PDB file of N, CA and C in Angstrom:
ATOM      1  N   MET A   1      96.610  78.711  99.619  1.00  0.00           N
ATOM      2  CA  MET A   1      98.147  78.649  98.750  1.00  0.00           C
ATOM      3  C   MET A   1      98.814  79.506  99.876  1.00  0.00           C
ATOM      4  N   THR A   2      99.958  79.004 100.386  1.00  0.00           N
ATOM      5  CA  THR A   2     100.871  79.898 101.252  1.00  0.00           C
ATOM      6  C   THR A   2     101.570  80.944 100.475  1.00  0.00           C
ATOM      7  N   GLN A   3     101.622  82.140 101.139  1.00  0.00           N
ATOM      8  CA  GLN A   3     102.145  83.250 100.319  1.00  0.00           C
ATOM      9  C   GLN A   3     103.608  83.490 100.765  1.00  0.00           C
ATOM     10  N   SER A   4     104.467  83.854  99.995  1.00  0.00           N
ATOM     11  CA  SER A   4     106.036  83.954 100.257  1.00  0.00           C
ATOM     12  C   SER A   4     106.394  85.441 100.245  1.00  0.00           C
ATOM     13  N   ILE A   5     107.351  85.704 101.164  1.00  0.00           N
ATOM     14  CA  ILE A   5     107.921  86.822 101.293  1.00  0.00           C
ATOM     15  C   ILE A   5     109.394  86.806 101.032  1.00  0.00           C
ATOM     16  N   MET A   6     110.005  87.590 100.210  1.00  0.00           N
ATOM     17  CA  MET A   6     111.569  87.527 100.270  1.00  0.00           C
ATOM     18  C   MET A   6     112.260  88.512 101.008  1.00  0.00           C
ATOM     19  N   ILE A   7     112.871  88.251 101.811  1.00  0.00           N
ATOM     20  CA  ILE A   7     113.552  89.324 102.872  1.00  0.00           C
ATOM     21  C   ILE A   7     115.105  89.422 102.361  1.00  0.00           C
ATOM     22  N   VAL A   8     115.445  90.714 101.995  1.00  0.00           N
ATOM     23  CA  VAL A   8     117.006  90.900 101.487  1.00  0.00           C
ATOM     24  C   VAL A   8     117.553  92.072 102.545  1.00  0.00           C
ATOM     25  N   ASP A   9     118.409  91.527 103.392  1.00  0.00           N
ATOM     26  CA  ASP A   9     119.151  92.245 104.434  1.00  0.00           C
ATOM     27  C   ASP A   9     120.424  91.686 104.777  1.00  0.00           C
ATOM     28  N   ASP A  10     121.536  92.509 104.651  1.00  0.00           N
ATOM     29  CA  ASP A  10     122.706  91.887 104.768  1.00  0.00           C
ATOM     30  C   ASP A  10     123.137  91.883 106.442  1.00  0.00           C
ATOM     31  N   SER A  11     122.308  91.657 107.267  1.00  0.00           N
ATOM     32  CA  SER A  11     122.400  91.388 108.595  1.00  0.00           C
ATOM     33  C   SER A  11     121.869  90.141 108.789  1.00  0.00           C
ATOM     34  N   PRO A  12     122.749  89.060 109.194  1.00  0.00           N
ATOM     35  CA  PRO A  12     122.115  87.788 109.458  1.00  0.00           C
ATOM     36  C   PRO A  12     121.199  87.768 110.680  1.00  0.00           C
ATOM     37  N   GLY A  13     121.404  88.538 111.432  1.00  0.00           N
ATOM     38  CA  GLY A  13     120.367  88.644 112.680  1.00  0.00           C
ATOM     39  C   GLY A  13     119.051  89.089 112.402  1.00  0.00           C
ATOM     40  N   VAL A  14     118.943  90.091 111.306  1.00  0.00           N
ATOM     41  CA  VAL A  14     117.613  90.706 110.961  1.00  0.00           C
ATOM     42  C   VAL A  14     116.981  89.553 109.904  1.00  0.00           C
ATOM     43  N   LEU A  15     117.867  89.014 109.218  1.00  0.00           N
ATOM     44  CA  LEU A  15     117.133  87.974 108.197  1.00  0.00           C
ATOM     45  C   LEU A  15     116.658  86.827 109.246  1.00  0.00           C
ATOM     46  N   SER A  16     117.152  86.479 110.111  1.00  0.00           N
ATOM     47  CA  SER A  16     116.929  85.195 111.055  1.00  0.00           C
ATOM     48  C   SER A  16     115.664  85.762 111.811  1.00  0.00           C
ATOM     49  N   LEU A  17     115.725  86.964 112.344  1.00  0.00           N
ATOM     50  CA  LEU A  17     114.586  87.397 113.207  1.00  0.00           C
ATOM     51  C   LEU A  17     113.366  87.397 112.387  1.00  0.00           C
ATOM     52  N   TYR A  18     113.242  88.370 111.347  1.00  0.00           N
ATOM     53  CA  TYR A  18     112.200  88.463 110.431  1.00  0.00           C
ATOM     54  C   TYR A  18     111.790  87.170 109.988  1.00  0.00           C
ATOM     55  N   GLY A  19     112.658  86.205 109.426  1.00  0.00           N
ATOM     56  CA  GLY A  19     112.481  84.996 108.893  1.00  0.00           C
ATOM     57  C   GLY A  19     111.596  84.087 109.720  1.00  0.00           C
ATOM     58  N   MET A  20     112.049  83.985 111.072  1.00  0.00           N
ATOM     59  CA  MET A  20     111.160  83.215 111.938  1.00  0.00           C
ATOM     60  C   MET A  20     109.782  83.912 112.333  1.00  0.00           C
ATOM     61  N   PHE A  21     109.616  85.169 112.416  1.00  0.00           N
ATOM     62  CA  PHE A  21     108.687  85.921 112.695  1.00  0.00           C
ATOM     63  C   PHE A  21     107.443  85.546 111.852  1.00  0.00           C
ATOM     64  N   PHE A  22     108.040  85.841 110.562  1.00  0.00           N
ATOM     65  CA  PHE A  22     107.148  85.581 109.210  1.00  0.00           C
ATOM     66  C   PHE A  22     106.673  84.152 109.077  1.00  0.00           C
ATOM     67  N   GLU A  23     107.697  83.422 109.246  1.00  0.00           N
ATOM     68  CA  GLU A  23     107.101  81.747 109.171  1.00  0.00           C
ATOM     69  C   GLU A  23     106.089  81.409 110.178  1.00  0.00           C
ATOM     70  N   ARG A  24     106.466  81.915 111.411  1.00  0.00           N
ATOM     71  CA  ARG A  24     105.222  81.699 112.513  1.00  0.00           C
ATOM     72  C   ARG A  24     103.918  82.394 112.099  1.00  0.00           C
ATOM     73  N   GLN A  25     103.986  83.421 111.388  1.00  0.00           N
ATOM     74  CA  GLN A  25     102.889  84.023 110.788  1.00  0.00           C
ATOM     75  C   GLN A  25     102.214  83.152 109.606  1.00  0.00           C
ATOM     76  N   GLY A  26     102.864  82.269 109.107  1.00  0.00           N
ATOM     77  CA  GLY A  26     102.488  81.336 107.932  1.00  0.00           C
ATOM     78  C   GLY A  26     102.854  81.416 106.618  1.00  0.00           C
ATOM     79  N   TYR A  27     103.811  82.338 106.568  1.00  0.00           N
ATOM     80  CA  TYR A  27     104.473  82.730 105.246  1.00  0.00           C
ATOM     81  C   TYR A  27     105.589  81.742 104.840  1.00  0.00           C
ATOM     82  N   GLU A  28     105.895  81.562 103.894  1.00  0.00           N
ATOM     83  CA  GLU A  28     107.078  80.854 103.109  1.00  0.00           C
ATOM     84  C   GLU A  28     108.038  82.031 103.106  1.00  0.00           C
ATOM     85  N   VAL A  29     109.181  81.923 103.490  1.00  0.00           N
ATOM     86  CA  VAL A  29     110.038  82.971 103.718  1.00  0.00           C
ATOM     87  C   VAL A  29     111.552  82.508 102.908  1.00  0.00           C
ATOM     88  N   LEU A  30     111.957  83.554 101.952  1.00  0.00           N
ATOM     89  CA  LEU A  30     113.130  83.350 101.121  1.00  0.00           C
ATOM     90  C   LEU A  30     113.980  84.475 101.645  1.00  0.00           C
ATOM     91  N   LYS A  31     115.408  84.093 101.911  1.00  0.00           N
ATOM     92  CA  LYS A  31     116.244  85.182 102.582  1.00  0.00           C
ATOM     93  C   LYS A  31     117.484  85.331 101.665  1.00  0.00           C
ATOM     94  N   ALA A  32     118.053  86.552 101.525  1.00  0.00           N
ATOM     95  CA  ALA A  32     118.966  86.935 100.830  1.00  0.00           C
ATOM     96  C   ALA A  32     119.904  87.748 101.424  1.00  0.00           C
ATOM     97  N   MET A  33     120.967  87.639 101.633  1.00  0.00           N
ATOM     98  CA  MET A  33     122.058  88.342 102.369  1.00  0.00           C
ATOM     99  C   MET A  33     122.510  89.668 101.596  1.00  0.00           C
ATOM    100  N   ASP A  34     122.195  89.625 100.093  1.00  0.00           N
ATOM    101  CA  ASP A  34     122.523  90.803  99.296  1.00  0.00           C
ATOM    102  C   ASP A  34     121.636  90.685  97.918  1.00  0.00           C
ATOM    103  N   SER A  35     121.776  91.976  97.386  1.00  0.00           N
ATOM    104  CA  SER A  35     120.911  92.051  96.191  1.00  0.00           C
ATOM    105  C   SER A  35     121.282  91.066  95.172  1.00  0.00           C
ATOM    106  N   ALA A  36     122.512  90.805  94.890  1.00  0.00           N
ATOM    107  CA  ALA A  36     122.929  89.747  93.971  1.00  0.00           C
ATOM    108  C   ALA A  36     122.358  88.505  94.190  1.00  0.00           C
ATOM    109  N   SER A  37     122.329  88.072  95.274  1.00  0.00           N
ATOM    110  CA  SER A  37     121.663  86.692  95.771  1.00  0.00           C
ATOM    111  C   SER A  37     120.396  86.812  95.429  1.00  0.00           C
ATOM    112  N   ALA A  38     119.832  87.799  95.925  1.00  0.00           N
ATOM    113  CA  ALA A  38     118.069  87.956  95.674  1.00  0.00           C
ATOM    114  C   ALA A  38     117.843  87.964  94.211  1.00  0.00           C
ATOM    115  N   LEU A  39     118.543  88.682  93.253  1.00  0.00           N
ATOM    116  CA  LEU A  39     118.351  88.564  92.002  1.00  0.00           C
ATOM    117  C   LEU A  39     118.269  87.046  91.454  1.00  0.00           C
ATOM    118  N   GLU A  40     119.475  86.240  91.968  1.00  0.00           N
ATOM    119  CA  GLU A  40     119.857  85.024  91.450  1.00  0.00           C
ATOM    120  C   GLU A  40     118.657  84.109  91.685  1.00  0.00           C
ATOM    121  N   MET A  41     117.986  84.290  93.184  1.00  0.00           N
ATOM    122  CA  MET A  41     116.937  83.614  93.452  1.00  0.00           C
ATOM    123  C   MET A  41     115.523  83.763  92.809  1.00  0.00           C
ATOM    124  N   LEU A  42     115.510  84.854  91.999  1.00  0.00           N
ATOM    125  CA  LEU A  42     114.332  85.304  91.378  1.00  0.00           C
ATOM    126  C   LEU A  42     114.351  84.773  90.185  1.00  0.00           C
ATOM    127  N   ARG A  43     115.325  84.078  89.766  1.00  0.00           N
ATOM    128  CA  ARG A  43     115.245  83.153  88.492  1.00  0.00           C
ATOM    129  C   ARG A  43     114.354  81.695  88.529  1.00  0.00           C
ATOM    130  N   GLU A  44     114.430  81.430  90.126  1.00  0.00           N
ATOM    131  CA  GLU A  44     113.739  80.335  90.188  1.00  0.00           C
ATOM    132  C   GLU A  44     112.318  80.327  91.187  1.00  0.00           C
ATOM    133  N   SER A  45     112.059  81.578  91.913  1.00  0.00           N
ATOM    134  CA  SER A  45     111.110  81.852  92.579  1.00  0.00           C
ATOM    135  C   SER A  45     110.505  83.044  92.173  1.00  0.00           C
ATOM    136  N   ALA A  46     109.092  83.225  92.647  1.00  0.00           N
ATOM    137  CA  ALA A  46     108.389  84.524  92.509  1.00  0.00           C
ATOM    138  C   ALA A  46     107.583  84.793  93.756  1.00  0.00           C
ATOM    139  N   PRO A  47     108.397  85.594  94.787  1.00  0.00           N
ATOM    140  CA  PRO A  47     107.785  85.889  95.977  1.00  0.00           C
ATOM    141  C   PRO A  47     106.560  86.753  95.908  1.00  0.00           C
ATOM    142  N   ASP A  48     105.696  86.556  96.853  1.00  0.00           N
ATOM    143  CA  ASP A  48     104.753  87.628  96.623  1.00  0.00           C
ATOM    144  C   ASP A  48     104.657  88.904  97.156  1.00  0.00           C
ATOM    145  N   LEU A  49     105.913  89.112  97.971  1.00  0.00           N
ATOM    146  CA  LEU A  49     106.046  90.444  98.424  1.00  0.00           C
ATOM    147  C   LEU A  49     107.552  90.443  98.843  1.00  0.00           C
ATOM    148  N   PHE A  50     108.145  91.869  98.828  1.00  0.00           N
ATOM    149  CA  PHE A  50     109.696  91.816  99.040  1.00  0.00           C
ATOM    150  C   PHE A  50     109.766  92.789 100.432  1.00  0.00           C
ATOM    151  N   LEU A  51     110.762  92.442 101.154  1.00  0.00           N
ATOM    152  CA  LEU A  51     111.224  93.379 102.227  1.00  0.00           C
ATOM    153  C   LEU A  51     112.623  93.605 102.062  1.00  0.00           C
ATOM    154  N   LEU A  52     112.981  94.781 101.558  1.00  0.00           N
ATOM    155  CA  LEU A  52     114.500  95.129 101.317  1.00  0.00           C
ATOM    156  C   LEU A  52     114.991  96.101 102.213  1.00  0.00           C
ATOM    157  N   ASP A  53     116.148  95.936 102.614  1.00  0.00           N
ATOM    158  CA  ASP A  53     116.805  96.790 103.529  1.00  0.00           C
ATOM    159  C   ASP A  53     117.597  97.791 102.462  1.00  0.00           C
ATOM    160  N   VAL A  54     117.826  98.994 103.015  1.00  0.00           N
ATOM    161  CA  VAL A  54     118.247 100.273 101.882  1.00  0.00           C
ATOM    162  C   VAL A  54     119.909  99.922 101.980  1.00  0.00           C
ATOM    163  N   MET A  55     120.397  99.966 103.089  1.00  0.00           N
ATOM    164  CA  MET A  55     121.969  99.832 102.999  1.00  0.00           C
ATOM    165  C   MET A  55     122.580  98.529 103.115  1.00  0.00           C
ATOM    166  N   MET A  56     122.857  98.156 101.839  1.00  0.00           N
ATOM    167  CA  MET A  56     123.469  96.874 101.451  1.00  0.00           C
ATOM    168  C   MET A  56     124.696  97.100 100.594  1.00  0.00           C
ATOM    169  N   PRO A  57     125.709  96.146 100.579  1.00  0.00           N
ATOM    170  CA  PRO A  57     126.847  96.565  99.908  1.00  0.00           C
ATOM    171  C   PRO A  57     126.549  96.213  98.364  1.00  0.00           C
ATOM    172  N   GLU A  58     127.132  97.077  97.446  1.00  0.00           N
ATOM    173  CA  GLU A  58     127.202  96.784  95.966  1.00  0.00           C
ATOM    174  C   GLU A  58     125.899  97.467  95.330  1.00  0.00           C
ATOM    175  N   ILE A  59     124.834  96.567  95.507  1.00  0.00           N
ATOM    176  CA  ILE A  59     123.421  97.201  95.073  1.00  0.00           C
ATOM    177  C   ILE A  59     122.445  97.296  96.122  1.00  0.00           C
ATOM    178  N   ASN A  60     122.195  98.790  96.558  1.00  0.00           N
ATOM    179  CA  ASN A  60     121.388  99.167  97.490  1.00  0.00           C
ATOM    180  C   ASN A  60     120.119  98.518  97.289  1.00  0.00           C
ATOM    181  N   GLY A  61     119.160  98.781  98.420  1.00  0.00           N
ATOM    182  CA  GLY A  61     118.023  98.287  98.340  1.00  0.00           C
ATOM    183  C   GLY A  61     116.785  99.093  97.213  1.00  0.00           C
ATOM    184  N   ILE A  62     117.054 100.413  97.112  1.00  0.00           N
ATOM    185  CA  ILE A  62     116.416 100.991  96.163  1.00  0.00           C
ATOM    186  C   ILE A  62     116.806 100.900  94.837  1.00  0.00           C
ATOM    187  N   GLU A  63     118.094 100.571  94.725  1.00  0.00           N
ATOM    188  CA  GLU A  63     118.430  99.960  93.267  1.00  0.00           C
ATOM    189  C   GLU A  63     117.828  98.606  92.717  1.00  0.00           C
ATOM    190  N   LEU A  64     117.813  97.824  93.958  1.00  0.00           N
ATOM    191  CA  LEU A  64     117.316  96.452  93.705  1.00  0.00           C
ATOM    192  C   LEU A  64     115.695  96.554  93.614  1.00  0.00           C
ATOM    193  N   CYS A  65     115.124  97.339  94.285  1.00  0.00           N
ATOM    194  CA  CYS A  65     113.699  97.674  94.162  1.00  0.00           C
ATOM    195  C   CYS A  65     113.396  98.156  92.404  1.00  0.00           C
ATOM    196  N   GLN A  66     114.274  98.896  91.989  1.00  0.00           N
ATOM    197  CA  GLN A  66     114.173  99.348  90.508  1.00  0.00           C
ATOM    198  C   GLN A  66     114.300  98.249  89.652  1.00  0.00           C
ATOM    199  N   ARG A  67     115.284  97.194  89.967  1.00  0.00           N
ATOM    200  CA  ARG A  67     115.521  96.033  89.160  1.00  0.00           C
ATOM    201  C   ARG A  67     114.388  95.078  89.049  1.00  0.00           C
ATOM    202  N   ILE A  68     113.798  94.983  90.320  1.00  0.00           N
ATOM    203  CA  ILE A  68     112.667  94.041  90.555  1.00  0.00           C
ATOM    204  C   ILE A  68     111.488  94.636  89.887  1.00  0.00           C
ATOM    205  N   ARG A  69     111.365  96.106  90.049  1.00  0.00           N
ATOM    206  CA  ARG A  69     110.095  96.619  89.207  1.00  0.00           C
ATOM    207  C   ARG A  69     110.215  96.495  87.371  1.00  0.00           C
ATOM    208  N   ALA A  70     111.579  96.220  86.991  1.00  0.00           N
ATOM    209  CA  ALA A  70     112.013  96.266  85.709  1.00  0.00           C
ATOM    210  C   ALA A  70     111.617  94.748  85.158  1.00  0.00           C
ATOM    211  N   MET A  71     111.399  93.803  85.906  1.00  0.00           N
ATOM    212  CA  MET A  71     111.124  92.284  85.628  1.00  0.00           C
ATOM    213  C   MET A  71     109.560  92.350  85.387  1.00  0.00           C
ATOM    214  N   PRO A  72     109.277  91.771  84.247  1.00  0.00           N
ATOM    215  CA  PRO A  72     108.048  91.660  83.777  1.00  0.00           C
ATOM    216  C   PRO A  72     106.879  91.143  84.888  1.00  0.00           C
ATOM    217  N   HIS A  73     107.303  90.003  85.265  1.00  0.00           N
ATOM    218  CA  HIS A  73     106.419  89.391  86.449  1.00  0.00           C
ATOM    219  C   HIS A  73     106.411  90.079  87.716  1.00  0.00           C
ATOM    220  N   HIS A  74     106.945  90.974  88.027  1.00  0.00           N
ATOM    221  CA  HIS A  74     107.304  91.675  89.257  1.00  0.00           C
ATOM    222  C   HIS A  74     106.868  93.116  89.338  1.00  0.00           C
ATOM    223  N   GLU A  75     106.370  93.627  88.163  1.00  0.00           N
ATOM    224  CA  GLU A  75     106.068  95.271  88.339  1.00  0.00           C
ATOM    225  C   GLU A  75     105.096  95.631  89.233  1.00  0.00           C
ATOM    226  N   GLN A  76     104.198  94.599  89.578  1.00  0.00           N
ATOM    227  CA  GLN A  76     103.138  94.886  90.614  1.00  0.00           C
ATOM    228  C   GLN A  76     103.355  94.344  91.969  1.00  0.00           C
ATOM    229  N   THR A  77     104.388  93.451  92.168  1.00  0.00           N
ATOM    230  CA  THR A  77     104.701  92.607  93.312  1.00  0.00           C
ATOM    231  C   THR A  77     104.848  93.813  94.681  1.00  0.00           C
ATOM    232  N   PRO A  78     104.316  93.854  95.591  1.00  0.00           N
ATOM    233  CA  PRO A  78     104.555  94.782  96.751  1.00  0.00           C
ATOM    234  C   PRO A  78     105.940  94.700  97.142  1.00  0.00           C
ATOM    235  N   VAL A  79     106.444  95.948  97.409  1.00  0.00           N
ATOM    236  CA  VAL A  79     107.831  96.009  97.950  1.00  0.00           C
ATOM    237  C   VAL A  79     107.953  96.862  99.242  1.00  0.00           C
ATOM    238  N   ILE A  80     108.515  96.444 100.310  1.00  0.00           N
ATOM    239  CA  ILE A  80     108.418  97.359 101.594  1.00  0.00           C
ATOM    240  C   ILE A  80     109.926  97.526 101.664  1.00  0.00           C
ATOM    241  N   ILE A  81     110.297  98.892 101.967  1.00  0.00           N
ATOM    242  CA  ILE A  81     111.694  99.161 102.087  1.00  0.00           C
ATOM    243  C   ILE A  81     111.753  99.274 103.518  1.00  0.00           C
ATOM    244  N   LEU A  82     112.920  98.821 104.240  1.00  0.00           N
ATOM    245  CA  LEU A  82     113.289  98.851 105.477  1.00  0.00           C
ATOM    246  C   LEU A  82     114.532  99.882 105.756  1.00  0.00           C
ATOM    247  N   SER A  83     114.554 100.808 106.573  1.00  0.00           N
ATOM    248  CA  SER A  83     115.645 101.654 106.591  1.00  0.00           C
ATOM    249  C   SER A  83     115.869 102.220 108.212  1.00  0.00           C
ATOM    250  N   ALA A  84     117.111 102.507 108.227  1.00  0.00           N
ATOM    251  CA  ALA A  84     117.372 103.304 109.494  1.00  0.00           C
ATOM    252  C   ALA A  84     117.166 104.717 109.010  1.00  0.00           C
ATOM    253  N   PHE A  85     117.016 105.066 108.015  1.00  0.00           N
ATOM    254  CA  PHE A  85     117.178 106.525 107.455  1.00  0.00           C
ATOM    255  C   PHE A  85     115.786 107.018 107.531  1.00  0.00           C
ATOM    256  N   SER A  86     115.540 108.184 108.008  1.00  0.00           N
ATOM    257  CA  SER A  86     114.018 108.855 108.004  1.00  0.00           C
ATOM    258  C   SER A  86     114.047 110.221 107.271  1.00  0.00           C
ATOM    259  N   ASP A  87     115.152 110.382 106.326  1.00  0.00           N
ATOM    260  CA  ASP A  87     115.124 111.767 105.802  1.00  0.00           C
ATOM    261  C   ASP A  87     114.452 111.586 104.527  1.00  0.00           C
ATOM    262  N   SER A  88     113.949 112.796 104.210  1.00  0.00           N
ATOM    263  CA  SER A  88     112.781 112.900 102.958  1.00  0.00           C
ATOM    264  C   SER A  88     113.425 112.650 101.782  1.00  0.00           C
ATOM    265  N   GLY A  89     114.725 112.697 101.605  1.00  0.00           N
ATOM    266  CA  GLY A  89     115.453 112.440 100.371  1.00  0.00           C
ATOM    267  C   GLY A  89     115.316 111.004 100.059  1.00  0.00           C
ATOM    268  N   THR A  90     115.821 110.199 100.954  1.00  0.00           N
ATOM    269  CA  THR A  90     115.921 108.823 100.938  1.00  0.00           C
ATOM    270  C   THR A  90     114.400 108.086 100.639  1.00  0.00           C
ATOM    271  N   ILE A  91     113.491 108.667 101.544  1.00  0.00           N
ATOM    272  CA  ILE A  91     112.144 108.229 101.373  1.00  0.00           C
ATOM    273  C   ILE A  91     111.677 108.557 100.048  1.00  0.00           C
ATOM    274  N   GLU A  92     111.896 109.787  99.478  1.00  0.00           N
ATOM    275  CA  GLU A  92     111.452 110.078  97.847  1.00  0.00           C
ATOM    276  C   GLU A  92     112.122 109.281  97.155  1.00  0.00           C
ATOM    277  N   GLN A  93     113.551 108.893  96.981  1.00  0.00           N
ATOM    278  CA  GLN A  93     114.161 107.989  96.313  1.00  0.00           C
ATOM    279  C   GLN A  93     113.494 106.507  96.075  1.00  0.00           C
ATOM    280  N   THR A  94     113.070 106.196  97.597  1.00  0.00           N
ATOM    281  CA  THR A  94     112.359 104.889  97.352  1.00  0.00           C
ATOM    282  C   THR A  94     111.035 104.748  96.706  1.00  0.00           C
ATOM    283  N   PHE A  95     110.471 105.784  96.921  1.00  0.00           N
ATOM    284  CA  PHE A  95     109.022 105.852  96.251  1.00  0.00           C
ATOM    285  C   PHE A  95     109.158 105.959  94.679  1.00  0.00           C
ATOM    286  N   ALA A  96     110.094 106.652  94.353  1.00  0.00           N
ATOM    287  CA  ALA A  96     110.223 106.897  92.920  1.00  0.00           C
ATOM    288  C   ALA A  96     110.978 105.587  92.356  1.00  0.00           C
ATOM    289  N   ALA A  97     111.558 104.831  93.143  1.00  0.00           N
ATOM    290  CA  ALA A  97     112.066 103.517  92.754  1.00  0.00           C
ATOM    291  C   ALA A  97     110.860 102.524  92.512  1.00  0.00           C
ATOM    292  N   GLY A  98     109.717 102.783  92.902  1.00  0.00           N
ATOM    293  CA  GLY A  98     108.525 101.669  92.918  1.00  0.00           C
ATOM    294  C   GLY A  98     108.323 101.224  94.075  1.00  0.00           C
ATOM    295  N   ALA A  99     108.894 101.542  95.378  1.00  0.00           N
ATOM    296  CA  ALA A  99     108.286 100.772  96.302  1.00  0.00           C
ATOM    297  C   ALA A  99     106.809 101.199  96.913  1.00  0.00           C
ATOM    298  N   ASN A 100     106.317 100.207  97.619  1.00  0.00           N
ATOM    299  CA  ASN A 100     104.826 100.481  97.896  1.00  0.00           C
ATOM    300  C   ASN A 100     104.804 101.183  99.559  1.00  0.00           C
ATOM    301  N   ASP A 101     105.883 100.797 100.134  1.00  0.00           N
ATOM    302  CA  ASP A 101     105.784 101.436 101.451  1.00  0.00           C
ATOM    303  C   ASP A 101     107.165 101.423 101.996  1.00  0.00           C
ATOM    304  N   TYR A 102     107.309 102.383 103.012  1.00  0.00           N
ATOM    305  CA  TYR A 102     108.858 102.697 103.647  1.00  0.00           C
ATOM    306  C   TYR A 102     108.700 102.602 105.064  1.00  0.00           C
ATOM    307  N   VAL A 103     109.558 101.796 105.753  1.00  0.00           N
ATOM    308  CA  VAL A 103     109.374 101.697 107.141  1.00  0.00           C
ATOM    309  C   VAL A 103     110.797 101.898 107.966  1.00  0.00           C
ATOM    310  N   VAL A 104     110.718 102.963 108.866  1.00  0.00           N
ATOM    311  CA  VAL A 104     111.865 103.163 109.687  1.00  0.00           C
ATOM    312  C   VAL A 104     112.212 102.162 110.590  1.00  0.00           C
ATOM    313  N   LYS A 105     113.565 101.666 110.781  1.00  0.00           N
ATOM    314  CA  LYS A 105     114.012 100.708 111.690  1.00  0.00           C
ATOM    315  C   LYS A 105     114.194 101.504 113.048  1.00  0.00           C
ATOM    316  N   PRO A 106     114.151 100.983 114.397  1.00  0.00           N
ATOM    317  CA  PRO A 106     113.755  99.770 114.443  1.00  0.00           C
ATOM    318  C   PRO A 106     112.131  99.796 114.349  1.00  0.00           C
ATOM    319  N   ILE A 107     111.770  98.291 113.843  1.00  0.00           N
ATOM    320  CA  ILE A 107     110.407  98.192 113.601  1.00  0.00           C
ATOM    321  C   ILE A 107     109.611  97.431 114.467  1.00  0.00           C
ATOM    322  N   ASP A 108     108.499  97.684 114.796  1.00  0.00           N
ATOM    323  CA  ASP A 108     107.493  96.759 115.554  1.00  0.00           C
ATOM    324  C   ASP A 108     107.311  95.578 114.754  1.00  0.00           C
ATOM    325  N   PRO A 109     107.524  94.470 115.179  1.00  0.00           N
ATOM    326  CA  PRO A 109     107.025  93.312 114.155  1.00  0.00           C
ATOM    327  C   PRO A 109     105.548  93.251 113.859  1.00  0.00           C
ATOM    328  N   GLN A 110     104.956  93.630 114.740  1.00  0.00           N
ATOM    329  CA  GLN A 110     103.368  93.492 114.305  1.00  0.00           C
ATOM    330  C   GLN A 110     102.932  94.621 113.534  1.00  0.00           C
ATOM    331  N   GLU A 111     103.571  95.722 113.612  1.00  0.00           N
ATOM    332  CA  GLU A 111     103.056  96.822 112.714  1.00  0.00           C
ATOM    333  C   GLU A 111     103.675  96.339 111.328  1.00  0.00           C
ATOM    334  N   LEU A 112     104.880  95.612 111.094  1.00  0.00           N
ATOM    335  CA  LEU A 112     105.350  95.487 109.865  1.00  0.00           C
ATOM    336  C   LEU A 112     104.379  94.269 109.386  1.00  0.00           C
ATOM    337  N   ALA A 113     104.048  93.272 110.214  1.00  0.00           N
ATOM    338  CA  ALA A 113     102.970  92.159 109.727  1.00  0.00           C
ATOM    339  C   ALA A 113     101.683  92.911 109.306  1.00  0.00           C
ATOM    340  N   ASN A 114     101.336  94.019 109.936  1.00  0.00           N
ATOM    341  CA  ASN A 114     100.029  94.630 109.464  1.00  0.00           C
ATOM    342  C   ASN A 114     100.119  95.100 108.019  1.00  0.00           C
ATOM    343  N   ARG A 115     101.466  95.655 107.876  1.00  0.00           N
ATOM    344  CA  ARG A 115     101.530  96.283 106.555  1.00  0.00           C
ATOM    345  C   ARG A 115     101.823  95.207 105.543  1.00  0.00           C
ATOM    346  N   VAL A 116     102.470  94.331 105.830  1.00  0.00           N
ATOM    347  CA  VAL A 116     102.770  93.027 105.052  1.00  0.00           C
ATOM    348  C   VAL A 116     101.376  92.693 104.547  1.00  0.00           C
ATOM    349  N   GLY A 117     100.372  92.268 105.447  1.00  0.00           N
ATOM    350  CA  GLY A 117      99.195  91.798 105.272  1.00  0.00           C
ATOM    351  C   GLY A 117      98.209  92.723 104.523  1.00  0.00           C
ATOM    352  N   GLU A 118      98.320  93.840 104.763  1.00  0.00           N
ATOM    353  CA  GLU A 118      97.372  95.018 103.845  1.00  0.00           C
ATOM    354  C   GLU A 118      97.934  94.819 102.381  1.00  0.00           C
ATOM    355  N   LEU A 119      99.205  94.878 102.163  1.00  0.00           N
ATOM    356  CA  LEU A 119      99.662  94.843 100.726  1.00  0.00           C
ATOM    357  C   LEU A 119      99.364  93.704  99.941  1.00  0.00           C
ATOM    358  N   LEU A 120      99.583  92.556 100.649  1.00  0.00           N
ATOM    359  CA  LEU A 120      99.191  91.439 100.200  1.00  0.00           C
ATOM    360  C   LEU A 120      97.622  91.103  99.665  1.00  0.00           C
ATOM    361  N   GLU A 121      96.778  91.753 100.846  1.00  0.00           N
ATOM    362  CA  GLU A 121      95.494  91.654 100.573  1.00  0.00           C
ATOM    363  C   GLU A 121      94.909  92.256  99.344  1.00  0.00           C
ATOM    364  N   VAL A 122      95.691  93.511  99.188  1.00  0.00           N
ATOM    365  CA  VAL A 122      95.253  94.538  97.935  1.00  0.00           C
ATOM    366  C   VAL A 122      95.868  93.738  96.646  1.00  0.00           C
ATOM    367  N   GLN A 123      96.997  93.124  96.721  1.00  0.00           N
ATOM    368  CA  GLN A 123      97.396  92.352  95.692  1.00  0.00           C
ATOM    369  C   GLN A 123      96.456  91.341  95.202  1.00  0.00           C
ATOM    370  N   GLU A 124      95.880  90.641  96.099  1.00  0.00           N
ATOM    371  CA  GLU A 124      95.046  89.727  95.822  1.00  0.00           C
ATOM    372  C   GLU A 124      93.631  90.077  95.123  1.00  0.00           C
ATOM    373  N   ARG A 125      93.247  91.342  95.295  1.00  0.00           N
ATOM    374  CA  ARG A 125      92.118  91.728  94.542  1.00  0.00           C
ATOM    375  C   ARG A 125      92.222  91.867  92.932  1.00  0.00           C
TER     376      ARG A 125
END
């Protein structure tokens, strides 16, 4: 069965780049430009993993992570936060919100693919 990844980022370039990369890796990719769109999509879909940008308008990635964790069928779904911030405060907030991993941009795509694969593998056990 094909695993799915939801990518939430307000940058069309990032969505396109990561979307194509993970589709080539064999994943189904769901893309949202903002948190409200992502939450709407979750009414109809249940991705196996989330990639969330921190800096987004209105609802940032950390708050979105908290909202995802509050959903009964997503309290264990892996979440990776992507951010240009490398300060300890942001990183601490991210993990307190329930994220599984934190990756500082710019990101090596293969490194990100490895982290995604590891979290999905653990999730299947």
